[in-house]
Amino acid sequence: MLIGLETCQRYLRDLKQVPPTMIFLAPKGAGKSILIEGFAKARGLRVELIGNKIDDIRELIENSIALAKPTLFHIKEGDELTTGAMNALLKVAEEPPKNCHIAIEIRNYDNVIPTIKSRATTITLDNYKYTELIDFAKMQGITNSDTLQELCCVAETPGQVLHLNQIGFDDCMEYANKVVTNILKVSTGNAFNIPNKITFQEEEDKIDVEIFLKIFLRLSKRHLKDNVEVISKFILYTTQALNSLQQKGVIKPLIFDIWILNIRKLRGL
C-alpha cells in the first residue's frame, strides 16, 4: 500500500512522455517499488525485473532490442550496481531503443556515476510527514502513544515502521538503551555481544544496523546531554558510520566494528 508521496505522484501523472531512464531516489522502505509498479501499470508498460550484475545489464541490452511492447526494465538494487554494470547501462541510456524504459531504485545519489545522472530523469520521493507515519503505524495496530511517538521519530519511511513493528520496537529501544548505558563501562569492546541482535542484510528477526544506530544516537542525546565532549563524539562517529553504510560495496560488519572501536576510545571521558 502506498501512502503520502503526493508531490511525486502528481509529477509522474503529469509527465507527457515516459522518460527513457529514470532514477527513483529515496531511503529504504519509502515505497519506490510500489510507486514504480503503479506508474508502469498506469502507462501500460510491461515490467521486467533486472538484477544489478553486469551480466544482468547485458541481458537487459539484448532484450531491449526490437521490443514489440513498451517495456519498463526495473532495477531494484541500483545502489549495488558495479561501475562496470553502470557503464554497460550507459549504452542504453545514451541511445535508448524504441519502447525501452529503465527505472533504477537508488538510496544514495552518490552511488550513481555522473554520466548516468546526466542522462536520467531523477524522481526524488517526498519525505514522509510525521503525521503520515503515525497514521500508518496505527494501521499496523500500534496504539501506545509513547511507542507511536518514539517509533515515528526514528523511522523515516513506512517500510521502516513495518520492520520495527515486526521485530518489536519496545524491545529495540530496550536493547539500544542497554548498549548506550553500558558501552563505555564494560571491560571489552564487545562484552555484551552488540551485533548479535543486529542484521547487516535482510534478516527479519533482527534490528537493521542503520536503524539501530539511529536509535542509539537518539538515546545517547538523552543519557549524555550533560557530557558535551562525549555526546559530540557519539554524534560524529555514529553519523560517519551511517554515511559509510550507504556507500556502494562497503563491508557493513567492518563499518560497525570500526564504529564500536571509535566509541570505545571515549572510555574515561
C-alpha atoms as a PDB file:
ATOM      1  CA  MET A   1       0.000   0.000   0.000  1.00  0.00           C
ATOM      2  CA  LEU A   2       1.294   3.438  -0.954  1.00  0.00           C
ATOM      3  CA  ILE A   3       0.762   6.372   1.390  1.00  0.00           C
ATOM      4  CA  GLY A   4       1.761  10.007   1.018  1.00  0.00           C
ATOM      5  CA  LEU A   5       4.127  10.967  -1.834  1.00  0.00           C
ATOM      6  CA  GLU A   6       1.523  13.376  -3.261  1.00  0.00           C
ATOM      7  CA  THR A   7       4.067  15.650  -4.971  1.00  0.00           C
ATOM      8  CA  CYS A   8       5.933  12.745  -6.540  1.00  0.00           C
ATOM      9  CA  GLN A   9       2.755  11.010  -7.714  1.00  0.00           C
ATOM     10  CA  ARG A  10       1.433  14.245  -9.222  1.00  0.00           C
ATOM     11  CA  TYR A  11       4.725  14.762 -11.074  1.00  0.00           C
ATOM     12  CA  LEU A  12       4.527  11.251 -12.543  1.00  0.00           C
ATOM     13  CA  ARG A  13       0.880  11.718 -13.561  1.00  0.00           C
ATOM     14  CA  ASP A  14       1.715  14.978 -15.331  1.00  0.00           C
ATOM     15  CA  LEU A  15       4.581  13.580 -17.409  1.00  0.00           C
ATOM     16  CA  LYS A  16       3.651  13.837 -21.060  1.00  0.00           C
ATOM     17  CA  GLN A  17       6.073  11.085 -22.023  1.00  0.00           C
ATOM     18  CA  VAL A  18       7.744   8.297 -20.082  1.00  0.00           C
ATOM     19  CA  PRO A  19      11.469   9.152 -19.799  1.00  0.00           C
ATOM     20  CA  PRO A  20      13.853   6.547 -21.233  1.00  0.00           C
ATOM     21  CA  THR A  21      15.823   6.317 -17.969  1.00  0.00           C
ATOM     22  CA  MET A  22      14.534   7.216 -14.501  1.00  0.00           C
ATOM     23  CA  ILE A  23      16.184   7.237 -11.103  1.00  0.00           C
ATOM     24  CA  PHE A  24      13.816   6.887  -8.153  1.00  0.00           C
ATOM     25  CA  LEU A  25      15.643   8.344  -5.161  1.00  0.00           C
ATOM     26  CA  ALA A  26      14.523   7.662  -1.568  1.00  0.00           C
ATOM     27  CA  PRO A  27      15.549   5.884   1.659  1.00  0.00           C
ATOM     28  CA  LYS A  28      14.887   2.208   2.228  1.00  0.00           C
ATOM     29  CA  GLY A  29      11.216   1.381   2.746  1.00  0.00           C
ATOM     30  CA  ALA A  30       9.896   4.545   1.114  1.00  0.00           C
ATOM     31  CA  GLY A  31       7.766   2.667  -1.416  1.00  0.00           C
ATOM     32  CA  LYS A  32       9.921   3.010  -4.538  1.00  0.00           C
ATOM     33  CA  SER A  33       8.948  -0.409  -5.886  1.00  0.00           C
ATOM     34  CA  ILE A  34       5.229   0.145  -5.305  1.00  0.00           C
ATOM     35  CA  LEU A  35       5.445   3.572  -6.930  1.00  0.00           C
ATOM     36  CA  ILE A  36       7.260   2.213  -9.998  1.00  0.00           C
ATOM     37  CA  GLU A  37       4.822  -0.680 -10.388  1.00  0.00           C
ATOM     38  CA  GLY A  38       1.837   1.681 -10.165  1.00  0.00           C
ATOM     39  CA  PHE A  39       3.408   4.075 -12.657  1.00  0.00           C
ATOM     40  CA  ALA A  40       4.109   1.255 -15.114  1.00  0.00           C
ATOM     41  CA  LYS A  41       0.547  -0.052 -14.834  1.00  0.00           C
ATOM     42  CA  ALA A  42      -0.932   3.419 -15.374  1.00  0.00           C
ATOM     43  CA  ARG A  43       1.196   3.874 -18.507  1.00  0.00           C
ATOM     44  CA  GLY A  44       0.545   0.400 -19.897  1.00  0.00           C
ATOM     45  CA  LEU A  45       4.156  -0.714 -19.593  1.00  0.00           C
ATOM     46  CA  ARG A  46       5.220  -4.317 -19.348  1.00  0.00           C
ATOM     47  CA  VAL A  47       7.601  -4.702 -16.389  1.00  0.00           C
ATOM     48  CA  GLU A  48      10.732  -6.831 -16.402  1.00  0.00           C
ATOM     49  CA  LEU A  49      12.793  -7.083 -13.209  1.00  0.00           C
ATOM     50  CA  ILE A  50      16.545  -6.815 -13.710  1.00  0.00           C
ATOM     51  CA  GLY A  51      19.412  -7.698 -11.362  1.00  0.00           C
ATOM     52  CA  ASN A  52      22.411  -5.455 -10.705  1.00  0.00           C
ATOM     53  CA  LYS A  53      25.283  -7.570 -12.032  1.00  0.00           C
ATOM     54  CA  ILE A  54      26.987  -6.769 -15.329  1.00  0.00           C
ATOM     55  CA  ASP A  55      25.559  -9.947 -16.895  1.00  0.00           C
ATOM     56  CA  ASP A  56      22.065  -8.759 -15.910  1.00  0.00           C
ATOM     57  CA  ILE A  57      22.663  -5.436 -17.668  1.00  0.00           C
ATOM     58  CA  ARG A  58      23.993  -7.208 -20.747  1.00  0.00           C
ATOM     59  CA  GLU A  59      20.789  -9.254 -20.767  1.00  0.00           C
ATOM     60  CA  LEU A  60      18.798  -6.023 -20.480  1.00  0.00           C
ATOM     61  CA  ILE A  61      20.645  -4.618 -23.502  1.00  0.00           C
ATOM     62  CA  GLU A  62      19.949  -7.761 -25.506  1.00  0.00           C
ATOM     63  CA  ASN A  63      16.262  -7.825 -24.520  1.00  0.00           C
ATOM     64  CA  SER A  64      15.798  -4.116 -25.245  1.00  0.00           C
ATOM     65  CA  ILE A  65      16.390  -4.543 -28.958  1.00  0.00           C
ATOM     66  CA  ALA A  66      13.273  -4.532 -31.158  1.00  0.00           C
ATOM     67  CA  LEU A  67      10.748  -4.543 -28.304  1.00  0.00           C
ATOM     68  CA  ALA A  68       7.228  -5.179 -29.541  1.00  0.00           C
ATOM     69  CA  LYS A  69       5.603  -3.628 -26.451  1.00  0.00           C
ATOM     70  CA  PRO A  70       6.614  -0.641 -24.298  1.00  0.00           C
ATOM     71  CA  THR A  71       8.667  -2.207 -21.506  1.00  0.00           C
ATOM     72  CA  LEU A  72       9.999  -0.911 -18.196  1.00  0.00           C
ATOM     73  CA  PHE A  73      13.189  -2.599 -17.022  1.00  0.00           C
ATOM     74  CA  HIS A  74      13.086  -2.285 -13.237  1.00  0.00           C
ATOM     75  CA  ILE A  75      16.384  -2.396 -11.307  1.00  0.00           C
ATOM     76  CA  LYS A  76      15.560  -2.614  -7.590  1.00  0.00           C
ATOM     77  CA  GLU A  77      19.028  -2.685  -6.019  1.00  0.00           C
ATOM     78  CA  GLY A  78      20.538   0.167  -8.013  1.00  0.00           C
ATOM     79  CA  ASP A  79      22.985   1.164  -5.284  1.00  0.00           C
ATOM     80  CA  GLU A  80      24.772  -2.156  -5.760  1.00  0.00           C
ATOM     81  CA  LEU A  81      25.347  -1.724  -9.495  1.00  0.00           C
ATOM     82  CA  THR A  82      29.067  -2.003 -10.135  1.00  0.00           C
ATOM     83  CA  THR A  83      30.848   0.666 -12.165  1.00  0.00           C
ATOM     84  CA  GLY A  84      31.126  -1.866 -14.983  1.00  0.00           C
ATOM     85  CA  ALA A  85      27.386  -2.539 -14.875  1.00  0.00           C
ATOM     86  CA  MET A  86      26.625   1.210 -14.886  1.00  0.00           C
ATOM     87  CA  ASN A  87      28.949   1.781 -17.830  1.00  0.00           C
ATOM     88  CA  ALA A  88      27.163  -1.012 -19.682  1.00  0.00           C
ATOM     89  CA  LEU A  89      23.812   0.529 -18.780  1.00  0.00           C
ATOM     90  CA  LEU A  90      25.046   3.844 -20.143  1.00  0.00           C
ATOM     91  CA  LYS A  91      24.938   2.401 -23.669  1.00  0.00           C
ATOM     92  CA  VAL A  92      21.168   2.068 -23.395  1.00  0.00           C
ATOM     93  CA  ALA A  93      20.754   5.397 -21.602  1.00  0.00           C
ATOM     94  CA  GLU A  94      22.647   7.245 -24.352  1.00  0.00           C
ATOM     95  CA  GLU A  95      20.715   5.699 -27.236  1.00  0.00           C
ATOM     96  CA  PRO A  96      17.521   4.163 -25.816  1.00  0.00           C
ATOM     97  CA  PRO A  97      15.874   1.664 -28.180  1.00  0.00           C
ATOM     98  CA  LYS A  98      12.240   2.126 -29.100  1.00  0.00           C
ATOM     99  CA  ASN A  99       9.780   1.054 -26.374  1.00  0.00           C
ATOM    100  CA  CYS A 100      12.623   0.717 -23.834  1.00  0.00           C
ATOM    101  CA  HIS A 101      12.382   2.425 -20.440  1.00  0.00           C
ATOM    102  CA  ILE A 102      14.533   1.903 -17.360  1.00  0.00           C
ATOM    103  CA  ALA A 103      13.695   2.599 -13.704  1.00  0.00           C
ATOM    104  CA  ILE A 104      16.514   2.387 -11.135  1.00  0.00           C
ATOM    105  CA  GLU A 105      15.888   2.439  -7.382  1.00  0.00           C
ATOM    106  CA  ILE A 106      18.577   4.401  -5.546  1.00  0.00           C
ATOM    107  CA  ARG A 107      19.084   5.212  -1.856  1.00  0.00           C
ATOM    108  CA  ASN A 108      22.284   7.228  -2.151  1.00  0.00           C
ATOM    109  CA  TYR A 109      22.659   9.509  -5.184  1.00  0.00           C
ATOM    110  CA  ASP A 110      26.458   9.413  -4.823  1.00  0.00           C
ATOM    111  CA  ASN A 111      26.338   5.754  -5.865  1.00  0.00           C
ATOM    112  CA  VAL A 112      25.308   6.758  -9.406  1.00  0.00           C
ATOM    113  CA  ILE A 113      28.019   7.638 -11.918  1.00  0.00           C
ATOM    114  CA  PRO A 114      27.763  11.202 -13.340  1.00  0.00           C
ATOM    115  CA  THR A 115      27.144  10.058 -16.914  1.00  0.00           C
ATOM    116  CA  ILE A 116      24.046   8.120 -15.841  1.00  0.00           C
ATOM    117  CA  LYS A 117      22.841  11.075 -13.744  1.00  0.00           C
ATOM    118  CA  SER A 118      23.135  13.412 -16.727  1.00  0.00           C
ATOM    119  CA  ARG A 119      21.046  11.147 -18.956  1.00  0.00           C
ATOM    120  CA  ALA A 120      18.360  10.133 -16.456  1.00  0.00           C
ATOM    121  CA  THR A 121      15.310  11.848 -15.058  1.00  0.00           C
ATOM    122  CA  THR A 122      15.658  11.783 -11.271  1.00  0.00           C
ATOM    123  CA  ILE A 123      12.432  11.462  -9.283  1.00  0.00           C
ATOM    124  CA  THR A 124      13.052  12.253  -5.621  1.00  0.00           C
ATOM    125  CA  LEU A 125      10.298  10.832  -3.448  1.00  0.00           C
ATOM    126  CA  ASP A 126       8.716  13.145  -0.868  1.00  0.00           C
ATOM    127  CA  ASN A 127       9.925  12.904   2.701  1.00  0.00           C
ATOM    128  CA  TYR A 128       7.210  11.312   4.827  1.00  0.00           C
ATOM    129  CA  LYS A 129       5.490  13.567   7.306  1.00  0.00           C
ATOM    130  CA  TYR A 130       5.487  12.605  10.957  1.00  0.00           C
ATOM    131  CA  THR A 131       1.672  12.501  10.903  1.00  0.00           C
ATOM    132  CA  GLU A 132       1.675  10.168   7.892  1.00  0.00           C
ATOM    133  CA  LEU A 133       3.966   7.748   9.703  1.00  0.00           C
ATOM    134  CA  ILE A 134       1.805   7.974  12.843  1.00  0.00           C
ATOM    135  CA  ASP A 135      -1.317   7.116  10.842  1.00  0.00           C
ATOM    136  CA  PHE A 136       0.485   4.254   9.103  1.00  0.00           C
ATOM    137  CA  ALA A 137       1.762   2.887  12.437  1.00  0.00           C
ATOM    138  CA  LYS A 138      -1.773   2.962  13.841  1.00  0.00           C
ATOM    139  CA  MET A 139      -2.907   0.934  10.828  1.00  0.00           C
ATOM    140  CA  GLN A 140      -0.360  -1.699  11.877  1.00  0.00           C
ATOM    141  CA  GLY A 141      -2.066  -1.995  15.252  1.00  0.00           C
ATOM    142  CA  ILE A 142       0.316   0.170  17.302  1.00  0.00           C
ATOM    143  CA  THR A 143      -1.805   2.044  19.848  1.00  0.00           C
ATOM    144  CA  ASN A 144       0.506   3.004  22.726  1.00  0.00           C
ATOM    145  CA  SER A 145       1.070   6.766  22.386  1.00  0.00           C
ATOM    146  CA  ASP A 146       4.648   6.715  23.730  1.00  0.00           C
ATOM    147  CA  THR A 147       5.618   3.899  21.372  1.00  0.00           C
ATOM    148  CA  LEU A 148       3.985   5.677  18.437  1.00  0.00           C
ATOM    149  CA  GLN A 149       5.868   8.902  19.094  1.00  0.00           C
ATOM    150  CA  GLU A 150       9.246   7.256  19.583  1.00  0.00           C
ATOM    151  CA  LEU A 151       8.862   4.914  16.618  1.00  0.00           C
ATOM    152  CA  CYS A 152       7.861   7.672  14.214  1.00  0.00           C
ATOM    153  CA  CYS A 153      10.780   9.835  15.312  1.00  0.00           C
ATOM    154  CA  VAL A 154      13.187   7.006  14.456  1.00  0.00           C
ATOM    155  CA  ALA A 155      11.545   5.644  11.281  1.00  0.00           C
ATOM    156  CA  GLU A 156      11.807   7.674   8.091  1.00  0.00           C
ATOM    157  CA  THR A 157       9.577   5.515   5.931  1.00  0.00           C
ATOM    158  CA  PRO A 158       6.588   3.148   6.151  1.00  0.00           C
ATOM    159  CA  GLY A 159       8.922   0.235   5.435  1.00  0.00           C
ATOM    160  CA  GLN A 160      10.994   1.111   8.491  1.00  0.00           C
ATOM    161  CA  VAL A 161       7.820   1.340  10.580  1.00  0.00           C
ATOM    162  CA  LEU A 162       6.884  -2.164   9.442  1.00  0.00           C
ATOM    163  CA  HIS A 163      10.369  -3.502  10.207  1.00  0.00           C
ATOM    164  CA  LEU A 164      10.420  -2.021  13.711  1.00  0.00           C
ATOM    165  CA  ASN A 165       6.902  -3.209  14.475  1.00  0.00           C
ATOM    166  CA  GLN A 166       7.705  -6.703  13.215  1.00  0.00           C
ATOM    167  CA  ILE A 167      10.759  -7.171  15.425  1.00  0.00           C
ATOM    168  CA  GLY A 168       9.234  -5.320  18.398  1.00  0.00           C
ATOM    169  CA  PHE A 169      10.065  -1.642  18.731  1.00  0.00           C
ATOM    170  CA  ASP A 170       9.935  -1.579  22.531  1.00  0.00           C
ATOM    171  CA  ASP A 171      12.475  -4.436  22.591  1.00  0.00           C
ATOM    172  CA  CYS A 172      14.679  -2.480  20.180  1.00  0.00           C
ATOM    173  CA  MET A 173      14.564   0.566  22.443  1.00  0.00           C
ATOM    174  CA  GLU A 174      15.358  -1.517  25.500  1.00  0.00           C
ATOM    175  CA  TYR A 175      18.318  -3.169  23.776  1.00  0.00           C
ATOM    176  CA  ALA A 176      19.686   0.112  22.383  1.00  0.00           C
ATOM    177  CA  ASN A 177      19.283   1.678  25.831  1.00  0.00           C
ATOM    178  CA  LYS A 178      21.350  -1.180  27.301  1.00  0.00           C
ATOM    179  CA  VAL A 179      24.091  -0.513  24.747  1.00  0.00           C
ATOM    180  CA  VAL A 180      24.096   3.245  25.367  1.00  0.00           C
ATOM    181  CA  THR A 181      24.345   2.885  29.137  1.00  0.00           C
ATOM    182  CA  ASN A 182      26.970   0.115  29.119  1.00  0.00           C
ATOM    183  CA  ILE A 183      29.203   0.568  26.073  1.00  0.00           C
ATOM    184  CA  LEU A 184      31.603   2.847  27.969  1.00  0.00           C
ATOM    185  CA  LYS A 185      31.557   0.677  31.110  1.00  0.00           C
ATOM    186  CA  VAL A 186      32.186  -2.918  30.029  1.00  0.00           C
ATOM    187  CA  SER A 187      35.755  -4.170  30.070  1.00  0.00           C
ATOM    188  CA  THR A 188      35.915  -5.338  26.457  1.00  0.00           C
ATOM    189  CA  GLY A 189      34.554  -3.747  23.312  1.00  0.00           C
ATOM    190  CA  ASN A 190      32.042  -6.496  22.638  1.00  0.00           C
ATOM    191  CA  ALA A 191      31.468  -7.849  26.153  1.00  0.00           C
ATOM    192  CA  PHE A 192      27.699  -7.997  25.693  1.00  0.00           C
ATOM    193  CA  ASN A 193      27.789  -9.062  22.028  1.00  0.00           C
ATOM    194  CA  ILE A 194      26.356  -5.915  20.487  1.00  0.00           C
ATOM    195  CA  PRO A 195      25.978  -7.305  16.930  1.00  0.00           C
ATOM    196  CA  ASN A 196      24.013 -10.393  17.981  1.00  0.00           C
ATOM    197  CA  LYS A 197      20.651  -8.670  17.545  1.00  0.00           C
ATOM    198  CA  ILE A 198      21.669  -6.597  14.525  1.00  0.00           C
ATOM    199  CA  THR A 199      21.336  -7.515  10.846  1.00  0.00           C
ATOM    200  CA  PHE A 200      23.620  -6.303   8.080  1.00  0.00           C
ATOM    201  CA  GLN A 201      21.405  -7.812   5.381  1.00  0.00           C
ATOM    202  CA  GLU A 202      17.675  -8.595   5.449  1.00  0.00           C
ATOM    203  CA  GLU A 203      17.112 -10.837   8.478  1.00  0.00           C
ATOM    204  CA  GLU A 204      13.534 -10.200   9.555  1.00  0.00           C
ATOM    205  CA  ASP A 205      14.030 -11.010  13.247  1.00  0.00           C
ATOM    206  CA  LYS A 206      16.911  -8.597  13.870  1.00  0.00           C
ATOM    207  CA  ILE A 207      17.378  -4.824  14.000  1.00  0.00           C
ATOM    208  CA  ASP A 208      18.583  -3.226  10.773  1.00  0.00           C
ATOM    209  CA  VAL A 209      22.048  -1.807  11.509  1.00  0.00           C
ATOM    210  CA  GLU A 210      21.177   1.694  10.276  1.00  0.00           C
ATOM    211  CA  ILE A 211      18.004   1.827  12.355  1.00  0.00           C
ATOM    212  CA  PHE A 212      19.911   0.597  15.409  1.00  0.00           C
ATOM    213  CA  LEU A 213      22.446   3.410  15.029  1.00  0.00           C
ATOM    214  CA  LYS A 214      19.646   5.977  14.723  1.00  0.00           C
ATOM    215  CA  ILE A 215      18.034   4.681  17.918  1.00  0.00           C
ATOM    216  CA  PHE A 216      21.442   4.641  19.628  1.00  0.00           C
ATOM    217  CA  LEU A 217      22.008   8.268  18.621  1.00  0.00           C
ATOM    218  CA  ARG A 218      18.559   9.333  19.826  1.00  0.00           C
ATOM    219  CA  LEU A 219      19.003   7.691  23.233  1.00  0.00           C
ATOM    220  CA  SER A 220      22.590   8.941  23.583  1.00  0.00           C
ATOM    221  CA  LYS A 221      21.418  12.536  23.367  1.00  0.00           C
ATOM    222  CA  ARG A 222      19.143  11.892  26.340  1.00  0.00           C
ATOM    223  CA  HIS A 223      21.555   9.991  28.539  1.00  0.00           C
ATOM    224  CA  LEU A 224      24.650  12.055  27.842  1.00  0.00           C
ATOM    225  CA  LYS A 225      23.203  15.513  27.370  1.00  0.00           C
ATOM    226  CA  ASP A 226      25.339  16.855  30.245  1.00  0.00           C
ATOM    227  CA  ASN A 227      28.580  15.429  28.844  1.00  0.00           C
ATOM    228  CA  VAL A 228      29.166  17.651  25.820  1.00  0.00           C
ATOM    229  CA  GLU A 229      32.527  16.126  24.893  1.00  0.00           C
ATOM    230  CA  VAL A 230      31.267  12.543  24.785  1.00  0.00           C
ATOM    231  CA  ILE A 231      27.935  13.237  23.105  1.00  0.00           C
ATOM    232  CA  SER A 232      29.607  15.318  20.390  1.00  0.00           C
ATOM    233  CA  LYS A 233      31.910  12.366  19.620  1.00  0.00           C
ATOM    234  CA  PHE A 234      28.978   9.926  19.735  1.00  0.00           C
ATOM    235  CA  ILE A 235      27.190  12.066  17.165  1.00  0.00           C
ATOM    236  CA  LEU A 236      30.306  12.353  14.980  1.00  0.00           C
ATOM    237  CA  TYR A 237      31.183   8.642  14.947  1.00  0.00           C
ATOM    238  CA  THR A 238      27.583   7.477  14.529  1.00  0.00           C
ATOM    239  CA  THR A 239      26.910   9.924  11.695  1.00  0.00           C
ATOM    240  CA  GLN A 240      30.109   8.818   9.965  1.00  0.00           C
ATOM    241  CA  ALA A 241      29.059   5.172  10.285  1.00  0.00           C
ATOM    242  CA  LEU A 242      25.575   5.880   8.901  1.00  0.00           C
ATOM    243  CA  ASN A 243      27.047   7.716   5.916  1.00  0.00           C
ATOM    244  CA  SER A 244      29.543   4.925   5.263  1.00  0.00           C
ATOM    245  CA  LEU A 245      26.845   2.234   5.409  1.00  0.00           C
ATOM    246  CA  GLN A 246      25.107   3.842   2.436  1.00  0.00           C
ATOM    247  CA  GLN A 247      28.156   3.701   0.202  1.00  0.00           C
ATOM    248  CA  LYS A 248      28.313   1.129  -2.572  1.00  0.00           C
ATOM    249  CA  GLY A 249      30.285  -2.026  -1.904  1.00  0.00           C
ATOM    250  CA  VAL A 250      31.124  -1.388   1.757  1.00  0.00           C
ATOM    251  CA  ILE A 251      31.561  -4.262   4.203  1.00  0.00           C
ATOM    252  CA  LYS A 252      28.869  -3.413   6.726  1.00  0.00           C
ATOM    253  CA  PRO A 253      30.126  -5.551   9.647  1.00  0.00           C
ATOM    254  CA  LEU A 254      33.531  -3.860   9.283  1.00  0.00           C
ATOM    255  CA  ILE A 255      31.951  -0.387   9.379  1.00  0.00           C
ATOM    256  CA  PHE A 256      30.073  -1.431  12.509  1.00  0.00           C
ATOM    257  CA  ASP A 257      33.231  -2.795  14.168  1.00  0.00           C
ATOM    258  CA  ILE A 258      35.055   0.462  13.443  1.00  0.00           C
ATOM    259  CA  TRP A 259      32.139   2.363  14.991  1.00  0.00           C
ATOM    260  CA  ILE A 260      32.373   0.248  18.166  1.00  0.00           C
ATOM    261  CA  LEU A 261      36.143   0.827  18.380  1.00  0.00           C
ATOM    262  CA  ASN A 262      35.713   4.582  17.937  1.00  0.00           C
ATOM    263  CA  ILE A 263      33.051   4.732  20.636  1.00  0.00           C
ATOM    264  CA  ARG A 264      35.170   2.621  22.966  1.00  0.00           C
ATOM    265  CA  LYS A 265      38.014   5.141  22.692  1.00  0.00           C
ATOM    266  CA  LEU A 266      35.864   7.521  24.701  1.00  0.00           C
ATOM    267  CA  ARG A 267      36.060   5.473  27.896  1.00  0.00           C
ATOM    268  CA  GLY A 268      37.079   7.643  30.805  1.00  0.00           C
ATOM    269  CA  LEU A 269      35.952  10.958  29.298  1.00  0.00           C
END
